[in-house]
C-alpha atoms as a PDB file:
ATOM      1  CA  MET A   1     -85.807  12.760  31.496  1.00  0.00           C
ATOM      2  CA  ASN A   2     -85.989  10.468  28.482  1.00  0.00           C
ATOM      3  CA  ASP A   3     -87.888   7.186  28.480  1.00  0.00           C
ATOM      4  CA  ALA A   4     -89.150   4.725  25.912  1.00  0.00           C
ATOM      5  CA  PHE A   5     -92.835   5.473  26.416  1.00  0.00           C
ATOM      6  CA  GLY A   6     -92.704   9.258  26.658  1.00  0.00           C
ATOM      7  CA  VAL A   7     -94.141   9.101  30.183  1.00  0.00           C
ATOM      8  CA  ALA A   8     -91.841  11.881  31.370  1.00  0.00           C
ATOM      9  CA  ALA A   9     -93.005  14.214  28.587  1.00  0.00           C
ATOM     10  CA  VAL A  10     -96.649  13.501  29.357  1.00  0.00           C
ATOM     11  CA  LYS A  11     -95.968  14.109  33.056  1.00  0.00           C
ATOM     12  CA  GLU A  12     -94.196  17.385  32.293  1.00  0.00           C
ATOM     13  CA  CYS A  13     -97.127  18.740  30.332  1.00  0.00           C
ATOM     14  CA  GLY A  14     -99.766  16.857  32.340  1.00  0.00           C
ATOM     15  CA  GLU A  15    -101.247  20.091  33.639  1.00  0.00           C
ATOM     16  CA  ARG A  16    -101.967  21.122  30.069  1.00  0.00           C
ATOM     17  CA  LEU A  17    -103.262  17.728  28.905  1.00  0.00           C
ATOM     18  CA  LYS A  18    -106.723  16.552  29.865  1.00  0.00           C
ATOM     19  CA  LEU A  19    -106.817  12.815  30.356  1.00  0.00           C
ATOM     20  CA  TRP A  20    -110.410  12.638  29.157  1.00  0.00           C
ATOM     21  CA  ASP A  21    -112.205  15.084  26.907  1.00  0.00           C
ATOM     22  CA  ASP A  22    -115.763  13.830  26.455  1.00  0.00           C
ATOM     23  CA  GLU A  23    -116.657  16.381  23.783  1.00  0.00           C
ATOM     24  CA  ALA A  24    -113.611  15.382  21.737  1.00  0.00           C
ATOM     25  CA  PHE A  25    -114.551  11.704  22.175  1.00  0.00           C
ATOM     26  CA  LYS A  26    -118.057  12.434  20.867  1.00  0.00           C
ATOM     27  CA  ARG A  27    -116.570  14.210  17.822  1.00  0.00           C
ATOM     28  CA  ARG A  28    -114.159  11.361  17.115  1.00  0.00           C
ATOM     29  CA  LEU A  29    -116.904   8.755  17.478  1.00  0.00           C
ATOM     30  CA  THR A  30    -119.274  10.718  15.223  1.00  0.00           C
ATOM     31  CA  LEU A  31    -116.590  11.159  12.545  1.00  0.00           C
ATOM     32  CA  ALA A  32    -115.610   7.484  12.668  1.00  0.00           C
ATOM     33  CA  ALA A  33    -119.266   6.457  12.297  1.00  0.00           C
ATOM     34  CA  GLU A  34    -119.766   8.874   9.398  1.00  0.00           C
ATOM     35  CA  ARG A  35    -116.693   7.449   7.645  1.00  0.00           C
ATOM     36  CA  ARG A  36    -118.321   4.003   7.848  1.00  0.00           C
ATOM     37  CA  GLY A  37    -121.629   5.408   6.592  1.00  0.00           C
ATOM     38  CA  MET A  38    -123.381   4.856   9.924  1.00  0.00           C
ATOM     39  CA  THR A  39    -125.390   7.063  12.203  1.00  0.00           C
ATOM     40  CA  LEU A  40    -124.675   7.040  15.923  1.00  0.00           C
ATOM     41  CA  ALA A  41    -128.088   5.443  16.493  1.00  0.00           C
ATOM     42  CA  GLU A  42    -127.111   2.553  14.189  1.00  0.00           C
ATOM     43  CA  LEU A  43    -123.725   2.222  15.883  1.00  0.00           C
ATOM     44  CA  PHE A  44    -125.270   2.170  19.349  1.00  0.00           C
ATOM     45  CA  ALA A  45    -127.885  -0.421  18.298  1.00  0.00           C
ATOM     46  CA  GLU A  46    -125.218  -2.722  16.856  1.00  0.00           C
ATOM     47  CA  ALA A  47    -123.003  -2.230  19.917  1.00  0.00           C
ATOM     48  CA  GLY A  48    -125.900  -2.931  22.272  1.00  0.00           C
ATOM     49  CA  VAL A  49    -125.700   0.380  24.154  1.00  0.00           C
ATOM     50  CA  SER A  50    -128.451   2.839  24.943  1.00  0.00           C
ATOM     51  CA  ARG A  51    -129.290   5.461  22.326  1.00  0.00           C
ATOM     52  CA  PHE A  52    -128.683   7.956  25.145  1.00  0.00           C
ATOM     53  CA  TYR A  53    -125.069   6.777  25.540  1.00  0.00           C
ATOM     54  CA  LEU A  54    -123.632  10.220  24.753  1.00  0.00           C
ATOM     55  CA  SER A  55    -126.396  12.264  26.391  1.00  0.00           C
ATOM     56  CA  ARG A  56    -124.707  12.950  29.705  1.00  0.00           C
ATOM     57  CA  PRO A  57    -121.181  14.346  30.005  1.00  0.00           C
ATOM     58  CA  ARG A  58    -118.731  11.958  31.578  1.00  0.00           C
ATOM     59  CA  VAL A  59    -115.260  12.017  33.022  1.00  0.00           C
ATOM     60  CA  GLY A  60    -114.652   8.703  31.256  1.00  0.00           C
ATOM     61  CA  ARG A  61    -116.394   6.006  29.243  1.00  0.00           C
ATOM     62  CA  ASN A  62    -116.792   2.261  29.475  1.00  0.00           C
ATOM     63  CA  THR A  63    -113.771   0.557  27.900  1.00  0.00           C
ATOM     64  CA  ASN A  64    -115.809  -2.421  26.670  1.00  0.00           C
ATOM     65  CA  ALA A  65    -118.201  -0.112  24.820  1.00  0.00           C
ATOM     66  CA  ILE A  66    -115.315   1.783  23.231  1.00  0.00           C
ATOM     67  CA  LEU A  67    -113.628  -1.470  22.158  1.00  0.00           C
ATOM     68  CA  ASN A  68    -116.943  -2.633  20.731  1.00  0.00           C
ATOM     69  CA  PHE A  69    -117.368   0.653  18.813  1.00  0.00           C
ATOM     70  CA  ALA A  70    -113.831   0.277  17.461  1.00  0.00           C
ATOM     71  CA  ARG A  71    -114.558  -3.271  16.283  1.00  0.00           C
ATOM     72  CA  ILE A  72    -117.802  -2.252  14.567  1.00  0.00           C
ATOM     73  CA  LEU A  73    -116.260   0.847  12.990  1.00  0.00           C
ATOM     74  CA  ARG A  74    -113.044  -1.003  12.083  1.00  0.00           C
ATOM     75  CA  ALA A  75    -111.102   1.793  13.736  1.00  0.00           C
ATOM     76  CA  PRO A  76    -108.172   1.533  16.127  1.00  0.00           C
ATOM     77  CA  PRO A  77    -109.374   1.977  19.733  1.00  0.00           C
ATOM     78  CA  GLY A  78    -106.605   4.559  20.220  1.00  0.00           C
ATOM     79  CA  GLU A  79    -108.195   6.697  17.504  1.00  0.00           C
ATOM     80  CA  LEU A  80    -111.508   6.775  19.369  1.00  0.00           C
ATOM     81  CA  LEU A  81    -109.751   7.381  22.689  1.00  0.00           C
ATOM     82  CA  GLY A  82    -107.676  10.228  21.273  1.00  0.00           C
ATOM     83  CA  VAL A  83    -104.341   8.612  22.086  1.00  0.00           C
ATOM     84  CA  GLU A  84    -102.716  10.058  18.959  1.00  0.00           C
ATOM     85  CA  GLU A  85    -103.951  13.549  19.860  1.00  0.00           C
ATOM     86  CA  MET A  86    -102.451  13.249  23.350  1.00  0.00           C
ATOM     87  CA  LYS A  87     -99.207  11.908  21.901  1.00  0.00           C
ATOM     88  CA  ALA A  88     -99.072  14.815  19.440  1.00  0.00           C
ATOM     89  CA  LYS A  89     -99.550  17.336  22.266  1.00  0.00           C
ATOM     90  CA  ALA A  90     -96.778  15.685  24.291  1.00  0.00           C
ATOM     91  CA  ASP A  91     -94.532  15.698  21.199  1.00  0.00           C
ATOM     92  CA  ILE A  92     -95.148  19.429  20.752  1.00  0.00           C
ATOM     93  CA  GLU A  93     -94.032  20.081  24.329  1.00  0.00           C
ATOM     94  CA  ARG A  94     -90.981  17.857  23.895  1.00  0.00           C
ATOM     95  CA  ASN A  95     -90.096  19.588  20.611  1.00  0.00           C
ATOM     96  CA  ARG A  96     -90.534  23.035  22.173  1.00  0.00           C
ATOM     97  CA  ASP A  97     -87.899  22.139  24.786  1.00  0.00           C
ATOM     98  CA  LYS A  98     -85.548  20.855  22.079  1.00  0.00           C
ATOM     99  CA  LEU A  99     -86.013  24.019  20.036  1.00  0.00           C
ATOM    100  CA  GLU A 100     -85.178  26.163  23.055  1.00  0.00           C
ATOM    101  CA  ARG A 101     -81.962  24.217  23.619  1.00  0.00           C
ATOM    102  CA  LEU A 102     -81.088  24.408  19.915  1.00  0.00           C
ATOM    103  CA  SER A 103     -81.681  28.160  19.985  1.00  0.00           C
ATOM    104  CA  VAL A 104     -79.176  28.553  22.825  1.00  0.00           C
ATOM    105  CA  VAL A 105     -76.609  26.402  21.004  1.00  0.00           C
ATOM    106  CA  ALA A 106     -77.112  28.375  17.772  1.00  0.00           C
ATOM    107  CA  ARG A 107     -76.627  31.693  19.576  1.00  0.00           C
ATOM    108  CA  MET A 108     -73.489  30.397  21.260  1.00  0.00           C
ATOM    109  CA  MET A 109     -72.090  29.250  17.919  1.00  0.00           C
ATOM    110  CA  ALA A 110     -72.948  32.615  16.357  1.00  0.00           C
ATOM    111  CA  ALA A 111     -71.169  34.376  19.218  1.00  0.00           C
ATOM    112  CA  GLN A 112     -68.071  32.231  18.756  1.00  0.00           C
ATOM    113  CA  LEU A 113     -68.103  32.879  15.022  1.00  0.00           C
ATOM    114  CA  ALA A 114     -68.539  36.627  15.557  1.00  0.00           C
ATOM    115  CA  ALA A 115     -65.560  36.740  17.930  1.00  0.00           C
ATOM    116  CA  MET A 116     -63.363  34.775  15.530  1.00  0.00           C
ATOM    117  CA  LEU A 117     -64.406  36.874  12.520  1.00  0.00           C
ATOM    118  CA  TYR A 118     -63.621  40.047  14.428  1.00  0.00           C
ATOM    119  CA  VAL A 119     -60.114  38.834  15.150  1.00  0.00           C
ATOM    120  CA  VAL A 120     -59.557  37.701  11.544  1.00  0.00           C
ATOM    121  CA  ALA A 121     -61.003  40.903  10.043  1.00  0.00           C
ATOM    122  CA  ASN A 122     -58.885  43.066  12.321  1.00  0.00           C
ATOM    123  CA  ASN A 123     -55.658  41.147  11.985  1.00  0.00           C
ATOM    124  CA  LYS A 124     -53.735  44.188  13.168  1.00  0.00           C
ATOM    125  CA  SER A 125     -55.696  44.008  16.399  1.00  0.00           C
ATOM    126  CA  GLN A 126     -54.141  42.404  19.414  1.00  0.00           C
ATOM    127  CA  ALA A 127     -57.571  41.141  20.501  1.00  0.00           C
ATOM    128  CA  ASP A 128     -57.622  37.734  22.125  1.00  0.00           C
ATOM    129  CA  PRO A 129     -60.487  35.556  20.744  1.00  0.00           C
ATOM    130  CA  ALA A 130     -61.046  34.084  24.218  1.00  0.00           C
ATOM    131  CA  VAL A 131     -61.517  37.565  25.721  1.00  0.00           C
ATOM    132  CA  LEU A 132     -63.865  38.530  22.865  1.00  0.00           C
ATOM    133  CA  MET A 133     -65.829  35.332  23.400  1.00  0.00           C
ATOM    134  CA  GLU A 134     -66.195  36.131  27.094  1.00  0.00           C
ATOM    135  CA  MET A 135     -67.524  39.588  26.199  1.00  0.00           C
ATOM    136  CA  VAL A 136     -69.981  38.121  23.705  1.00  0.00           C
ATOM    137  CA  LEU A 137     -71.124  35.521  26.253  1.00  0.00           C
ATOM    138  CA  ARG A 138     -71.668  38.209  28.896  1.00  0.00           C
ATOM    139  CA  GLU A 139     -73.852  40.083  26.394  1.00  0.00           C
ATOM    140  CA  PHE A 140     -75.632  36.867  25.546  1.00  0.00           C
ATOM    141  CA  HIS A 141     -76.395  36.106  29.193  1.00  0.00           C
ATOM    142  CA  ARG A 142     -77.433  39.695  29.863  1.00  0.00           C
ATOM    143  CA  ASP A 143     -79.771  39.461  26.882  1.00  0.00           C
ATOM    144  CA  GLN A 144     -81.166  36.139  28.110  1.00  0.00           C
ATOM    145  CA  ASP A 145     -81.807  37.498  31.606  1.00  0.00           C
ATOM    146  CA  GLY A 146     -83.394  40.787  30.679  1.00  0.00           C
ATOM    147  CA  ASN A 147     -84.421  40.889  27.052  1.00  0.00           C
ATOM    148  CA  ASN A 148     -85.756  37.972  25.013  1.00  0.00           C
ATOM    149  CA  ASP A 149     -86.720  39.836  21.875  1.00  0.00           C
ATOM    150  CA  GLY A 150     -83.331  39.342  20.233  1.00  0.00           C
ATOM    151  CA  THR A 151     -82.280  42.990  20.503  1.00  0.00           C
ATOM    152  CA  ALA A 152     -79.366  44.210  22.574  1.00  0.00           C
END
C-alpha cells in the first residue's frame, strides 16, 4: 500500500520500530547540547526542568519540554524526537521490498534473454522460444521455492 505519509510502511515494520527509545533520546539531546556548547545541566536550567529530568527511564517525554529544548538548542524538534531515524528505518524496509521485486524482475528478464539466445545460437534447432521460456520459468520457480542461494 502506498500513501503520501509513509504510514503503511511504518505499519508494516511497526513490530521492528520502537515508538520511543529513551536511551536514544538521551543521546540525541546530549549531542545537540554539546553542539551548542552547553551541558545538560545548563540546558535543563534554561528550560526550567529538573536537573534529574533524564534520571528515570520513560516510555515517553513531555512534549513541551522537548519543544523548549529544541528552541534553546536551535534544533528541529524532529531531530530530538528521532523522527528522521524512524523515517530512515521505514525507508530501509520499503527499499528492501522494492529490491526483492526488482530481483524477481531481473531474473525473469535474464531467463527470457537466455531462452532467446539459445534459440539464436542454435539456429538449426527447432526449439520454440516460448517452450524454452516455460522451462526456464519452471526452473526459476523451483529455485525460488526450494533454494534461494542462486544455485540450481
